[in-house]
N, C-alpha and C. Protein backbone atom coordinates (compact mmCIF):
# COMPACT_ATOMS: atom_id res chain seq x y z
N MET A 1 -31.81 9.97 -9.74
CA MET A 1 -31.07 8.78 -9.10
C MET A 1 -31.69 7.66 -9.05
N HIS A 2 -32.53 6.96 -10.45
CA HIS A 2 -32.00 5.99 -11.06
C HIS A 2 -31.07 5.15 -11.64
N GLU A 3 -30.15 6.05 -12.37
CA GLU A 3 -28.90 5.77 -12.55
C GLU A 3 -28.26 5.25 -11.47
N ILE A 4 -28.21 5.89 -10.23
CA ILE A 4 -27.57 5.79 -9.56
C ILE A 4 -28.11 3.65 -8.71
N TYR A 5 -29.48 3.76 -8.99
CA TYR A 5 -29.80 3.11 -8.22
C TYR A 5 -29.90 1.71 -9.23
N SER A 6 -29.88 2.00 -10.08
CA SER A 6 -29.42 1.11 -11.03
C SER A 6 -28.23 0.25 -11.95
N MET A 7 -27.64 1.34 -11.03
CA MET A 7 -25.70 1.11 -11.27
C MET A 7 -25.17 -0.17 -9.64
N ALA A 8 -25.71 0.43 -8.86
CA ALA A 8 -25.58 -0.35 -7.98
C ALA A 8 -25.60 -1.93 -6.97
N ASP A 9 -24.66 -2.82 -6.43
CA ASP A 9 -24.69 -4.31 -6.69
C ASP A 9 -25.82 -4.58 -5.92
N TYR A 10 -25.84 -3.60 -5.18
CA TYR A 10 -27.46 -3.36 -3.83
C TYR A 10 -27.54 -2.67 -3.01
N VAL A 11 -28.99 -2.43 -2.77
CA VAL A 11 -29.95 -2.05 -2.12
C VAL A 11 -30.18 -2.61 -0.86
N CYS A 12 -29.72 -1.68 0.04
CA CYS A 12 -30.15 -1.78 1.39
C CYS A 12 -31.32 -1.31 1.76
N VAL A 13 -32.28 -1.80 1.95
CA VAL A 13 -33.74 -1.38 2.59
C VAL A 13 -33.56 -1.41 4.45
N TRP A 14 -33.53 0.40 5.29
CA TRP A 14 -32.78 -0.18 6.32
C TRP A 14 -34.27 -0.02 7.03
N LEU A 15 -34.61 -0.71 8.05
CA LEU A 15 -35.31 0.02 8.68
C LEU A 15 -35.09 0.15 10.02
N GLY A 16 -33.87 -0.09 10.53
CA GLY A 16 -33.43 0.91 11.65
C GLY A 16 -33.08 -0.49 12.52
N ALA A 17 -33.07 0.18 13.84
CA ALA A 17 -31.85 -0.09 14.26
C ALA A 17 -32.29 -1.76 15.41
N GLY A 18 -33.38 -1.59 14.63
CA GLY A 18 -33.77 -3.42 15.35
C GLY A 18 -34.65 -3.00 17.17
N LYS A 19 -35.08 -3.66 16.99
CA LYS A 19 -36.44 -4.43 17.97
C LYS A 19 -35.31 -5.22 19.07
N PRO A 20 -36.67 -5.27 20.28
CA PRO A 20 -36.02 -6.94 20.66
C PRO A 20 -36.67 -8.15 19.72
N GLU A 21 -38.42 -8.06 19.41
CA GLU A 21 -38.81 -9.26 18.67
C GLU A 21 -38.22 -9.16 16.95
N THR A 22 -37.07 -8.18 16.36
CA THR A 22 -36.48 -8.07 15.17
C THR A 22 -36.12 -9.55 14.48
N ARG A 23 -35.31 -9.86 15.57
CA ARG A 23 -35.00 -11.64 15.28
C ARG A 23 -35.59 -12.87 15.14
N ASP A 24 -36.80 -12.32 16.11
CA ASP A 24 -38.65 -13.50 15.86
C ASP A 24 -38.58 -13.30 14.39
N THR A 25 -39.15 -12.23 14.39
CA THR A 25 -39.64 -11.20 13.25
C THR A 25 -39.28 -12.29 11.66
N ILE A 26 -38.15 -11.95 11.52
CA ILE A 26 -36.74 -12.38 10.35
C ILE A 26 -37.38 -13.60 10.06
N ARG A 27 -36.86 -14.27 11.02
CA ARG A 27 -37.00 -15.56 11.41
C ARG A 27 -37.84 -16.48 10.70
N PHE A 28 -39.02 -15.89 11.56
CA PHE A 28 -40.36 -16.54 11.30
C PHE A 28 -40.70 -16.21 9.74
N LEU A 29 -40.58 -15.36 9.38
CA LEU A 29 -40.65 -14.69 7.33
C LEU A 29 -39.91 -16.02 7.08
N ILE A 30 -38.87 -16.65 7.53
CA ILE A 30 -37.79 -17.63 6.49
C ILE A 30 -38.57 -18.64 7.32
N THR A 31 -38.82 -19.09 7.90
CA THR A 31 -39.92 -19.62 7.88
C THR A 31 -40.78 -20.23 6.92
N ILE A 32 -41.65 -18.74 6.98
CA ILE A 32 -43.32 -18.74 5.86
C ILE A 32 -42.47 -19.78 4.81
N LEU A 33 -41.13 -19.60 4.54
CA LEU A 33 -40.77 -19.70 2.54
C LEU A 33 -40.49 -21.16 2.90
N ASN A 34 -40.76 -21.97 3.52
CA ASN A 34 -40.50 -23.17 3.98
C ASN A 34 -42.30 -23.34 3.20
N LEU A 35 -42.47 -23.94 2.13
CA LEU A 35 -43.96 -24.55 1.74
C LEU A 35 -44.41 -25.22 2.60
N GLU A 36 -44.10 -26.91 3.15
CA GLU A 36 -44.76 -27.21 3.34
C GLU A 36 -45.13 -27.51 5.02
N ASP A 37 -43.97 -26.31 5.83
CA ASP A 37 -44.46 -25.55 6.81
C ASP A 37 -45.33 -24.47 7.35
N LEU A 38 -45.93 -24.16 5.71
CA LEU A 38 -46.49 -23.27 5.71
C LEU A 38 -48.25 -23.27 6.80
N GLU A 39 -48.93 -24.38 6.35
CA GLU A 39 -49.90 -24.91 6.30
C GLU A 39 -49.66 -24.65 7.70
N ARG A 40 -49.12 -25.91 9.17
CA ARG A 40 -49.14 -26.14 9.97
C ARG A 40 -48.59 -24.22 10.79
N LEU A 41 -48.20 -23.92 9.90
CA LEU A 41 -47.50 -22.34 11.47
C LEU A 41 -48.87 -21.64 11.30
N ILE A 42 -50.49 -22.43 10.21
CA ILE A 42 -51.24 -21.38 11.00
C ILE A 42 -52.10 -21.74 12.08
N ASP A 43 -51.86 -23.36 12.23
CA ASP A 43 -52.12 -24.02 13.57
C ASP A 43 -51.68 -24.07 15.03
N ASN A 44 -50.08 -23.72 14.84
CA ASN A 44 -49.67 -23.12 16.01
C ASN A 44 -49.70 -21.91 16.81
N GLU A 45 -49.62 -21.94 18.20
CA GLU A 45 -49.51 -21.16 18.81
C GLU A 45 -48.47 -19.71 18.45
N GLN A 46 -47.23 -20.35 18.66
CA GLN A 46 -45.90 -19.37 18.77
C GLN A 46 -46.20 -19.33 17.59
N SER A 47 -46.61 -19.60 16.53
CA SER A 47 -46.95 -19.13 14.83
C SER A 47 -47.77 -17.42 14.77
N LEU A 48 -48.94 -17.49 15.89
CA LEU A 48 -50.38 -16.55 16.04
C LEU A 48 -49.30 -15.32 16.87
N LYS A 49 -47.80 -15.28 17.09
CA LYS A 49 -47.24 -14.98 17.99
C LYS A 49 -46.74 -14.02 17.00
N SER A 50 -46.70 -15.10 16.28
CA SER A 50 -44.98 -14.47 15.20
C SER A 50 -45.84 -13.58 13.81
N SER A 51 -47.28 -13.93 14.07
CA SER A 51 -48.12 -13.89 12.73
C SER A 51 -48.45 -12.26 13.01
N MET A 52 -48.34 -11.82 14.77
CA MET A 52 -48.58 -9.98 15.29
C MET A 52 -47.25 -9.49 14.70
N LEU A 53 -46.49 -9.65 15.07
CA LEU A 53 -44.71 -9.48 14.60
C LEU A 53 -44.67 -8.94 13.72
N VAL A 54 -44.95 -10.12 11.88
CA VAL A 54 -45.51 -9.16 10.79
C VAL A 54 -46.60 -8.27 10.57
N LEU A 55 -47.19 -8.41 11.51
CA LEU A 55 -48.04 -6.84 11.03
C LEU A 55 -47.85 -6.31 11.46
N GLN A 56 -46.77 -6.10 12.65
CA GLN A 56 -46.67 -4.79 12.88
C GLN A 56 -45.34 -4.92 12.52
N LEU A 57 -44.36 -5.65 11.63
CA LEU A 57 -43.63 -4.82 10.72
C LEU A 57 -43.93 -4.30 9.57
N LEU A 58 -45.05 -4.47 9.30
CA LEU A 58 -45.95 -4.02 7.79
C LEU A 58 -46.28 -2.51 8.02
N ARG A 59 -46.39 -2.12 9.25
CA ARG A 59 -47.15 -1.02 9.49
C ARG A 59 -45.24 0.20 10.06
N HIS A 60 -44.34 -0.62 9.40
CA HIS A 60 -43.09 0.40 10.09
C HIS A 60 -43.22 1.24 8.50
N SER A 61 -43.17 2.92 9.26
CA SER A 61 -43.03 3.65 8.72
C SER A 61 -42.26 3.50 6.79
N TRP A 62 -41.46 2.57 6.82
CA TRP A 62 -40.86 2.71 5.21
C TRP A 62 -41.40 2.07 4.03
N PHE A 63 -42.88 0.72 5.23
CA PHE A 63 -43.10 0.28 3.68
C PHE A 63 -45.04 1.65 3.47
N ARG A 64 -44.86 3.13 4.24
CA ARG A 64 -45.55 3.79 3.74
C ARG A 64 -45.38 4.53 2.53
N ARG A 65 -44.13 4.27 2.20
CA ARG A 65 -43.60 5.72 1.04
C ARG A 65 -43.45 4.75 0.15
N ARG A 66 -43.95 6.12 -0.84
CA ARG A 66 -43.99 5.17 -2.42
C ARG A 66 -42.82 4.90 -3.44
N TRP A 67 -42.15 6.29 -3.00
CA TRP A 67 -40.79 6.29 -3.36
C TRP A 67 -39.67 5.82 -3.81
N VAL A 68 -39.45 4.67 -2.70
CA VAL A 68 -39.04 3.50 -2.57
C VAL A 68 -39.00 2.37 -3.38
N ILE A 69 -40.40 2.67 -3.98
CA ILE A 69 -40.39 1.39 -5.30
C ILE A 69 -39.19 1.71 -6.39
N GLN A 70 -38.63 2.75 -6.26
CA GLN A 70 -37.97 2.65 -7.48
C GLN A 70 -36.41 2.42 -7.15
N GLU A 71 -36.13 2.75 -6.19
CA GLU A 71 -35.03 1.94 -5.37
C GLU A 71 -34.94 0.42 -5.68
N LEU A 72 -36.46 -0.61 -5.64
CA LEU A 72 -36.38 -1.54 -5.73
C LEU A 72 -36.81 -1.97 -7.14
N VAL A 73 -37.15 -1.32 -8.41
CA VAL A 73 -37.65 -1.43 -9.22
C VAL A 73 -36.51 -1.43 -10.20
N LEU A 74 -35.40 -1.14 -9.35
CA LEU A 74 -33.89 -0.78 -10.08
C LEU A 74 -32.63 -1.04 -9.20
N ALA A 75 -33.03 -1.58 -8.48
CA ALA A 75 -32.23 -2.73 -8.03
C ALA A 75 -31.38 -3.75 -8.27
N GLN A 76 -30.46 -4.38 -8.55
CA GLN A 76 -29.99 -5.98 -8.72
C GLN A 76 -30.51 -6.60 -8.05
N ARG A 77 -29.83 -5.74 -6.48
CA ARG A 77 -29.94 -7.06 -5.35
C ARG A 77 -30.70 -5.91 -4.16
N ALA A 78 -31.82 -6.46 -4.17
CA ALA A 78 -31.97 -5.61 -2.53
C ALA A 78 -31.70 -6.70 -1.39
N ILE A 79 -31.02 -5.67 -0.47
CA ILE A 79 -31.51 -7.00 1.49
C ILE A 79 -32.32 -5.80 2.28
N VAL A 80 -33.12 -6.38 2.72
CA VAL A 80 -34.41 -6.12 3.78
C VAL A 80 -33.00 -5.68 5.54
N THR A 81 -32.53 -4.75 5.96
CA THR A 81 -31.69 -4.96 6.94
C THR A 81 -33.09 -4.52 8.10
N TRP A 82 -33.01 -5.01 8.88
CA TRP A 82 -33.73 -4.81 10.43
C TRP A 82 -32.11 -4.43 11.65
N GLY A 83 -31.75 -3.76 11.84
CA GLY A 83 -30.75 -4.19 13.05
C GLY A 83 -29.49 -5.10 12.74
N GLU A 84 -29.14 -5.94 13.23
CA GLU A 84 -28.38 -6.99 12.80
C GLU A 84 -28.72 -8.34 11.72
N GLU A 85 -30.47 -8.21 11.36
CA GLU A 85 -31.32 -8.94 10.82
C GLU A 85 -30.79 -8.88 9.52
N TRP A 86 -30.59 -9.83 8.63
CA TRP A 86 -30.92 -9.47 7.10
C TRP A 86 -32.07 -10.43 6.40
N ILE A 87 -32.34 -10.58 5.15
CA ILE A 87 -33.24 -11.01 4.04
C ILE A 87 -33.47 -10.57 3.24
N GLU A 88 -32.80 -11.82 2.19
CA GLU A 88 -32.98 -10.70 0.87
C GLU A 88 -34.41 -10.15 -0.19
N TRP A 89 -34.45 -9.40 -0.28
CA TRP A 89 -35.82 -8.74 -0.28
C TRP A 89 -36.41 -9.52 -1.29
N SER A 90 -36.09 -10.53 -1.58
CA SER A 90 -37.17 -11.54 -2.84
C SER A 90 -37.52 -12.13 -1.66
N ASP A 91 -36.87 -12.41 -0.94
CA ASP A 91 -37.88 -13.36 -0.08
C ASP A 91 -38.31 -13.03 1.00
N PHE A 92 -38.79 -11.74 1.86
CA PHE A 92 -38.81 -11.05 2.30
C PHE A 92 -40.14 -11.02 1.38
N ALA A 93 -40.92 -10.69 0.25
CA ALA A 93 -41.56 -10.22 -1.08
C ALA A 93 -42.30 -11.60 -0.71
N ASP A 94 -41.64 -12.47 -1.64
CA ASP A 94 -42.34 -14.28 -1.41
C ASP A 94 -43.10 -14.29 0.07
N ALA A 95 -41.94 -14.08 1.24
CA ALA A 95 -42.45 -14.97 2.37
C ALA A 95 -43.50 -13.74 2.90
N ILE A 96 -43.37 -12.15 2.36
CA ILE A 96 -44.91 -11.61 2.51
C ILE A 96 -46.08 -12.42 1.96
N SER A 97 -46.12 -12.62 0.82
CA SER A 97 -46.78 -12.60 0.13
C SER A 97 -47.90 -13.53 0.35
N LEU A 98 -46.72 -14.67 0.87
CA LEU A 98 -47.44 -16.00 1.06
C LEU A 98 -47.89 -16.17 2.78
N PHE A 99 -47.58 -15.27 3.71
CA PHE A 99 -48.17 -14.85 4.70
C PHE A 99 -49.73 -13.77 3.75
N ILE A 100 -49.56 -13.34 3.65
CA ILE A 100 -50.60 -12.33 3.03
C ILE A 100 -51.83 -13.78 2.60
N SER A 101 -51.32 -14.49 1.85
CA SER A 101 -52.31 -15.10 1.61
C SER A 101 -52.54 -16.24 2.40
N LYS A 102 -52.90 -16.42 3.22
CA LYS A 102 -53.46 -16.97 4.49
C LYS A 102 -53.33 -15.88 5.67
N TYR A 103 -53.47 -14.72 5.65
CA TYR A 103 -53.64 -13.38 6.55
C TYR A 103 -55.63 -13.89 6.67
N GLU A 104 -56.68 -14.32 6.22
CA GLU A 104 -57.89 -14.46 6.49
C GLU A 104 -57.90 -15.26 7.61
N GLU A 105 -57.44 -16.77 7.35
CA GLU A 105 -57.26 -17.84 8.16
C GLU A 105 -56.51 -17.57 9.87
N VAL A 106 -55.63 -16.59 9.52
CA VAL A 106 -54.94 -16.18 10.62
C VAL A 106 -55.80 -14.96 11.67
N ARG A 107 -56.78 -14.42 10.39
CA ARG A 107 -57.41 -12.92 11.34
C ARG A 107 -58.05 -13.33 12.72
N LYS A 108 -58.71 -14.75 11.60
CA LYS A 108 -60.01 -15.29 12.10
C LYS A 108 -59.43 -16.26 13.40
N LYS A 109 -58.46 -16.12 13.41
CA LYS A 109 -57.72 -17.44 15.36
C LYS A 109 -57.48 -16.32 16.01
N LEU A 110 -56.84 -14.72 15.39
CA LEU A 110 -55.88 -14.28 16.56
C LEU A 110 -57.55 -13.58 17.22
N LEU A 111 -58.65 -13.32 15.97
CA LEU A 111 -60.08 -13.11 16.88
C LEU A 111 -60.54 -14.02 17.93
N ASN A 112 -60.36 -14.87 17.80
CA ASN A 112 -61.02 -15.99 18.08
C ASN A 112 -60.06 -16.34 19.61
N ARG A 113 -58.49 -15.88 19.72
CA ARG A 113 -58.05 -15.36 21.12
C ARG A 113 -58.92 -14.82 22.32
N GLN A 114 -59.31 -13.84 21.52
CA GLN A 114 -59.41 -11.83 22.45
C GLN A 114 -60.87 -12.43 22.92
């Protein structure tokens, strides 16, 4: 299998047909990549709702499969596709990393809302 993935122009991480919240989730991940907006996002009520979308996305069954790591490691380029929305794997990974770096702050604000 490693030959297939290493020779591919790109690997598509297919997360399924998408849901009503797919577009908002992917757009929020793209917004997170703008470091100037990152701090402001935590204090924004809409961003807290979007944070919940990211948490739901990370519960997707694809992220529980260990063998998919070989696909990503060997791929020259990977794209995460969910419904009609897509994002480069490198951007997706960076956005998730930034999101996780603020997770405790987001979690506290979400708990305070309840």
